[in-house]
Amino acid sequence: MHKLLDWLVTYSGFLVAALVLVFGIAPRVSAQVPSPMVPTSISVLIIAPTGDPVTLPAIGAAMVVPIGVALNCNQAGSPPPALPLINPTKWEVDDPFTAGRVCKGTMPVGLPNGSNYRAVATFSGLCDGSPCTTPRSLVGAPPFTLQGPQVPGAGPSGLGVRP
């Protein structure tokens, strides 16, 4: 019996590795780990053409779009735009809940004219019950130019007030 126990102690690491490789079985780990954030909104920030995209302040206000709204997410992606990209009106980012689909929104308006602007995005949500925000995404492609005046998208239609 002792030889069996000695063998198990000696080769248990190999046994675990073999289980993982052959059967995809991972051992249970009983450690407390924070639960992953469940994103509830996307913020798109427009930043300057040069500088660190992680620390640059946004130019103008961020455009915040709720994720759970069916109109914003689970959409088909758009083909790449023709270049140069001038006065873009929309953005899209990978849908965090549906692989191969995107979330879409409108670009912030009222930004100053400029060339080679860049866009970054963050997710916001709850981490273990407290508000949190992810780090910024990689810089979106392609860079774009704003030359004025920029026209905001169409306003809401079909507004009705009911008793």
C-alpha atoms as a PDB file:
ATOM      1  CA  MET A   1       0.000   0.000   0.000  1.00  0.00           C
ATOM      2  CA  HIS A   2       2.836   2.396   0.847  1.00  0.00           C
ATOM      3  CA  LYS A   3       4.437   1.801  -2.537  1.00  0.00           C
ATOM      4  CA  LEU A   4       1.164   2.741  -4.253  1.00  0.00           C
ATOM      5  CA  LEU A   5       0.913   5.938  -2.215  1.00  0.00           C
ATOM      6  CA  ASP A   6       4.558   6.761  -2.900  1.00  0.00           C
ATOM      7  CA  TRP A   7       3.961   6.219  -6.605  1.00  0.00           C
ATOM      8  CA  LEU A   8       0.853   8.469  -6.578  1.00  0.00           C
ATOM      9  CA  VAL A   9       2.695  11.252  -4.752  1.00  0.00           C
ATOM     10  CA  THR A  10       5.670  10.998  -7.090  1.00  0.00           C
ATOM     11  CA  TYR A  11       3.702  10.869 -10.330  1.00  0.00           C
ATOM     12  CA  SER A  12       0.536  12.833  -9.488  1.00  0.00           C
ATOM     13  CA  GLY A  13       1.724  15.863 -11.452  1.00  0.00           C
ATOM     14  CA  PHE A  14       2.187  13.704 -14.544  1.00  0.00           C
ATOM     15  CA  LEU A  15      -1.212  12.100 -13.962  1.00  0.00           C
ATOM     16  CA  VAL A  16      -2.945  15.503 -13.813  1.00  0.00           C
ATOM     17  CA  ALA A  17      -1.130  16.664 -16.954  1.00  0.00           C
ATOM     18  CA  ALA A  18      -2.138  13.478 -18.762  1.00  0.00           C
ATOM     19  CA  LEU A  19      -5.798  13.905 -17.747  1.00  0.00           C
ATOM     20  CA  VAL A  20      -5.790  17.475 -19.020  1.00  0.00           C
ATOM     21  CA  LEU A  21      -4.080  16.577 -22.302  1.00  0.00           C
ATOM     22  CA  VAL A  22      -5.973  13.403 -23.085  1.00  0.00           C
ATOM     23  CA  PHE A  23      -9.441  14.083 -21.714  1.00  0.00           C
ATOM     24  CA  GLY A  24      -9.515  17.859 -21.254  1.00  0.00           C
ATOM     25  CA  ILE A  25     -10.184  17.281 -17.559  1.00  0.00           C
ATOM     26  CA  ALA A  26      -8.787  19.997 -15.335  1.00  0.00           C
ATOM     27  CA  PRO A  27      -8.461  19.542 -11.596  1.00  0.00           C
ATOM     28  CA  ARG A  28     -10.772  21.583  -9.370  1.00  0.00           C
ATOM     29  CA  VAL A  29      -9.184  24.544  -7.712  1.00  0.00           C
ATOM     30  CA  SER A  30     -10.899  25.747  -4.594  1.00  0.00           C
ATOM     31  CA  ALA A  31      -9.650  29.313  -4.536  1.00  0.00           C
ATOM     32  CA  GLN A  32     -11.784  32.416  -4.425  1.00  0.00           C
ATOM     33  CA  VAL A  33     -11.474  34.252  -7.704  1.00  0.00           C
ATOM     34  CA  PRO A  34     -13.336  37.397  -8.697  1.00  0.00           C
ATOM     35  CA  SER A  35     -16.213  36.774 -11.056  1.00  0.00           C
ATOM     36  CA  PRO A  36     -15.761  38.195 -14.554  1.00  0.00           C
ATOM     37  CA  MET A  37     -17.444  41.463 -15.398  1.00  0.00           C
ATOM     38  CA  VAL A  38     -20.727  41.256 -17.264  1.00  0.00           C
ATOM     39  CA  PRO A  39     -20.636  44.223 -19.665  1.00  0.00           C
ATOM     40  CA  THR A  40     -23.724  46.435 -19.717  1.00  0.00           C
ATOM     41  CA  SER A  41     -22.490  49.288 -21.928  1.00  0.00           C
ATOM     42  CA  ILE A  42     -19.821  50.272 -24.432  1.00  0.00           C
ATOM     43  CA  SER A  43     -18.109  53.661 -24.398  1.00  0.00           C
ATOM     44  CA  VAL A  44     -16.413  54.891 -27.565  1.00  0.00           C
ATOM     45  CA  LEU A  45     -13.824  57.623 -27.129  1.00  0.00           C
ATOM     46  CA  ILE A  46     -12.197  59.670 -29.869  1.00  0.00           C
ATOM     47  CA  ILE A  47      -8.515  60.406 -29.235  1.00  0.00           C
ATOM     48  CA  ALA A  48      -5.749  62.464 -30.836  1.00  0.00           C
ATOM     49  CA  PRO A  49      -3.687  61.134 -33.752  1.00  0.00           C
ATOM     50  CA  THR A  50      -0.517  60.729 -31.687  1.00  0.00           C
ATOM     51  CA  GLY A  51       0.269  59.720 -28.152  1.00  0.00           C
ATOM     52  CA  ASP A  52      -0.444  56.759 -25.922  1.00  0.00           C
ATOM     53  CA  PRO A  53      -3.997  55.514 -26.616  1.00  0.00           C
ATOM     54  CA  VAL A  54      -4.188  54.141 -23.073  1.00  0.00           C
ATOM     55  CA  THR A  55      -3.693  57.507 -21.365  1.00  0.00           C
ATOM     56  CA  LEU A  56      -4.785  60.163 -23.881  1.00  0.00           C
ATOM     57  CA  PRO A  57      -7.899  62.057 -22.808  1.00  0.00           C
ATOM     58  CA  ALA A  58     -10.949  61.780 -25.021  1.00  0.00           C
ATOM     59  CA  ILE A  59     -11.706  64.598 -27.425  1.00  0.00           C
ATOM     60  CA  GLY A  60     -15.250  65.568 -26.533  1.00  0.00           C
ATOM     61  CA  ALA A  61     -17.675  63.338 -24.668  1.00  0.00           C
ATOM     62  CA  ALA A  62     -17.659  59.569 -25.008  1.00  0.00           C
ATOM     63  CA  MET A  63     -20.558  57.915 -26.810  1.00  0.00           C
ATOM     64  CA  VAL A  64     -22.097  55.372 -24.415  1.00  0.00           C
ATOM     65  CA  VAL A  65     -24.353  52.628 -25.777  1.00  0.00           C
ATOM     66  CA  PRO A  66     -26.146  49.974 -23.711  1.00  0.00           C
ATOM     67  CA  ILE A  67     -25.209  46.433 -24.733  1.00  0.00           C
ATOM     68  CA  GLY A  68     -28.395  44.605 -23.802  1.00  0.00           C
ATOM     69  CA  VAL A  69     -30.499  46.466 -26.363  1.00  0.00           C
ATOM     70  CA  ALA A  70     -31.222  44.222 -29.342  1.00  0.00           C
ATOM     71  CA  LEU A  71     -30.972  47.156 -31.746  1.00  0.00           C
ATOM     72  CA  ASN A  72     -27.334  47.764 -30.755  1.00  0.00           C
ATOM     73  CA  CYS A  73     -25.843  44.262 -30.626  1.00  0.00           C
ATOM     74  CA  ASN A  74     -25.991  40.884 -32.354  1.00  0.00           C
ATOM     75  CA  GLN A  75     -25.671  42.672 -35.693  1.00  0.00           C
ATOM     76  CA  ALA A  76     -23.809  41.599 -38.827  1.00  0.00           C
ATOM     77  CA  GLY A  77     -20.493  43.388 -39.322  1.00  0.00           C
ATOM     78  CA  SER A  78     -20.044  45.968 -42.060  1.00  0.00           C
ATOM     79  CA  PRO A  79     -17.507  45.660 -44.877  1.00  0.00           C
ATOM     80  CA  PRO A  80     -14.320  47.720 -44.457  1.00  0.00           C
ATOM     81  CA  PRO A  81     -14.846  51.371 -45.432  1.00  0.00           C
ATOM     82  CA  ALA A  82     -13.364  53.073 -48.466  1.00  0.00           C
ATOM     83  CA  LEU A  83     -10.308  55.160 -47.603  1.00  0.00           C
ATOM     84  CA  PRO A  84      -9.710  57.901 -46.738  1.00  0.00           C
ATOM     85  CA  LEU A  85     -12.474  57.824 -44.158  1.00  0.00           C
ATOM     86  CA  ILE A  86     -14.005  61.281 -43.770  1.00  0.00           C
ATOM     87  CA  ASN A  87     -16.761  62.201 -41.300  1.00  0.00           C
ATOM     88  CA  PRO A  88     -17.709  58.681 -40.193  1.00  0.00           C
ATOM     89  CA  THR A  89     -21.097  58.443 -38.515  1.00  0.00           C
ATOM     90  CA  LYS A  90     -21.027  54.911 -37.058  1.00  0.00           C
ATOM     91  CA  TRP A  91     -18.757  52.524 -35.183  1.00  0.00           C
ATOM     92  CA  GLU A  92     -18.863  48.827 -34.408  1.00  0.00           C
ATOM     93  CA  VAL A  93     -17.135  46.547 -31.910  1.00  0.00           C
ATOM     94  CA  ASP A  94     -17.170  42.771 -31.421  1.00  0.00           C
ATOM     95  CA  ASP A  95     -20.291  41.682 -29.541  1.00  0.00           C
ATOM     96  CA  PRO A  96     -19.116  40.387 -26.142  1.00  0.00           C
ATOM     97  CA  PHE A  97     -21.971  37.853 -25.981  1.00  0.00           C
ATOM     98  CA  THR A  98     -22.367  36.610 -29.573  1.00  0.00           C
ATOM     99  CA  ALA A  99     -19.317  35.367 -31.466  1.00  0.00           C
ATOM    100  CA  GLY A 100     -19.031  36.610 -35.036  1.00  0.00           C
ATOM    101  CA  ARG A 101     -21.479  39.480 -34.464  1.00  0.00           C
ATOM    102  CA  VAL A 102     -20.965  43.155 -33.574  1.00  0.00           C
ATOM    103  CA  CYS A 103     -22.494  45.943 -31.533  1.00  0.00           C
ATOM    104  CA  LYS A 104     -23.023  49.202 -33.419  1.00  0.00           C
ATOM    105  CA  GLY A 105     -23.508  52.809 -32.437  1.00  0.00           C
ATOM    106  CA  THR A 106     -23.218  56.362 -33.711  1.00  0.00           C
ATOM    107  CA  MET A 107     -20.076  58.455 -33.496  1.00  0.00           C
ATOM    108  CA  PRO A 108     -19.909  61.275 -30.977  1.00  0.00           C
ATOM    109  CA  VAL A 109     -20.885  64.610 -32.547  1.00  0.00           C
ATOM    110  CA  GLY A 110     -19.586  68.124 -32.030  1.00  0.00           C
ATOM    111  CA  LEU A 111     -15.905  67.205 -32.307  1.00  0.00           C
ATOM    112  CA  PRO A 112     -13.432  69.717 -33.735  1.00  0.00           C
ATOM    113  CA  ASN A 113     -12.182  69.308 -37.298  1.00  0.00           C
ATOM    114  CA  GLY A 114      -8.989  67.266 -37.529  1.00  0.00           C
ATOM    115  CA  SER A 115      -7.106  64.515 -39.304  1.00  0.00           C
ATOM    116  CA  ASN A 116      -6.063  61.019 -38.281  1.00  0.00           C
ATOM    117  CA  TYR A 117      -8.321  60.831 -35.250  1.00  0.00           C
ATOM    118  CA  ARG A 118      -8.427  57.417 -33.583  1.00  0.00           C
ATOM    119  CA  ALA A 119     -11.142  55.619 -31.643  1.00  0.00           C
ATOM    120  CA  VAL A 120     -10.900  53.332 -28.598  1.00  0.00           C
ATOM    121  CA  ALA A 121     -13.620  51.582 -26.634  1.00  0.00           C
ATOM    122  CA  THR A 122     -14.248  50.291 -23.119  1.00  0.00           C
ATOM    123  CA  PHE A 123     -16.881  48.053 -21.574  1.00  0.00           C
ATOM    124  CA  SER A 124     -18.589  49.069 -18.340  1.00  0.00           C
ATOM    125  CA  GLY A 125     -20.507  46.792 -16.035  1.00  0.00           C
ATOM    126  CA  LEU A 126     -20.441  45.231 -12.583  1.00  0.00           C
ATOM    127  CA  CYS A 127     -17.520  43.413 -10.964  1.00  0.00           C
ATOM    128  CA  ASP A 128     -18.628  41.503  -7.882  1.00  0.00           C
ATOM    129  CA  GLY A 129     -21.517  43.954  -7.471  1.00  0.00           C
ATOM    130  CA  SER A 130     -19.500  47.181  -7.894  1.00  0.00           C
ATOM    131  CA  PRO A 131     -19.251  49.353 -11.027  1.00  0.00           C
ATOM    132  CA  CYS A 132     -16.096  48.772 -13.065  1.00  0.00           C
ATOM    133  CA  THR A 133     -14.645  49.551 -16.489  1.00  0.00           C
ATOM    134  CA  THR A 134     -12.325  47.494 -18.677  1.00  0.00           C
ATOM    135  CA  PRO A 135      -9.046  48.845 -19.999  1.00  0.00           C
ATOM    136  CA  ARG A 136      -9.268  50.590 -23.353  1.00  0.00           C
ATOM    137  CA  SER A 137      -9.369  48.490 -26.498  1.00  0.00           C
ATOM    138  CA  LEU A 138      -6.705  48.543 -29.140  1.00  0.00           C
ATOM    139  CA  VAL A 139      -7.031  51.516 -31.458  1.00  0.00           C
ATOM    140  CA  GLY A 140      -9.816  50.981 -33.966  1.00  0.00           C
ATOM    141  CA  ALA A 141      -8.982  51.025 -37.649  1.00  0.00           C
ATOM    142  CA  PRO A 142      -8.830  53.031 -39.784  1.00  0.00           C
ATOM    143  CA  PRO A 143      -7.904  56.522 -38.571  1.00  0.00           C
ATOM    144  CA  PHE A 144     -10.362  59.113 -39.803  1.00  0.00           C
ATOM    145  CA  THR A 145     -10.777  62.788 -40.610  1.00  0.00           C
ATOM    146  CA  LEU A 146     -13.445  65.162 -39.419  1.00  0.00           C
ATOM    147  CA  GLN A 147     -14.062  68.163 -41.602  1.00  0.00           C
ATOM    148  CA  GLY A 148     -16.963  70.307 -40.728  1.00  0.00           C
ATOM    149  CA  PRO A 149     -19.646  70.724 -40.285  1.00  0.00           C
ATOM    150  CA  GLN A 150     -20.495  67.244 -39.069  1.00  0.00           C
ATOM    151  CA  VAL A 151     -24.171  66.520 -39.297  1.00  0.00           C
ATOM    152  CA  PRO A 152     -25.728  64.468 -36.503  1.00  0.00           C
ATOM    153  CA  GLY A 153     -27.660  61.368 -37.519  1.00  0.00           C
ATOM    154  CA  ALA A 154     -31.383  61.448 -38.097  1.00  0.00           C
ATOM    155  CA  GLY A 155     -33.393  62.258 -35.016  1.00  0.00           C
ATOM    156  CA  PRO A 156     -35.957  59.946 -33.480  1.00  0.00           C
ATOM    157  CA  SER A 157     -39.196  59.418 -35.361  1.00  0.00           C
ATOM    158  CA  GLY A 158     -42.551  57.997 -34.425  1.00  0.00           C
ATOM    159  CA  LEU A 159     -42.542  59.542 -30.951  1.00  0.00           C
ATOM    160  CA  GLY A 160     -45.921  59.187 -29.320  1.00  0.00           C
ATOM    161  CA  VAL A 161     -47.177  60.259 -25.938  1.00  0.00           C
ATOM    162  CA  ARG A 162     -49.865  58.087 -24.431  1.00  0.00           C
ATOM    163  CA  PRO A 163     -52.257  58.472 -21.495  1.00  0.00           C
END
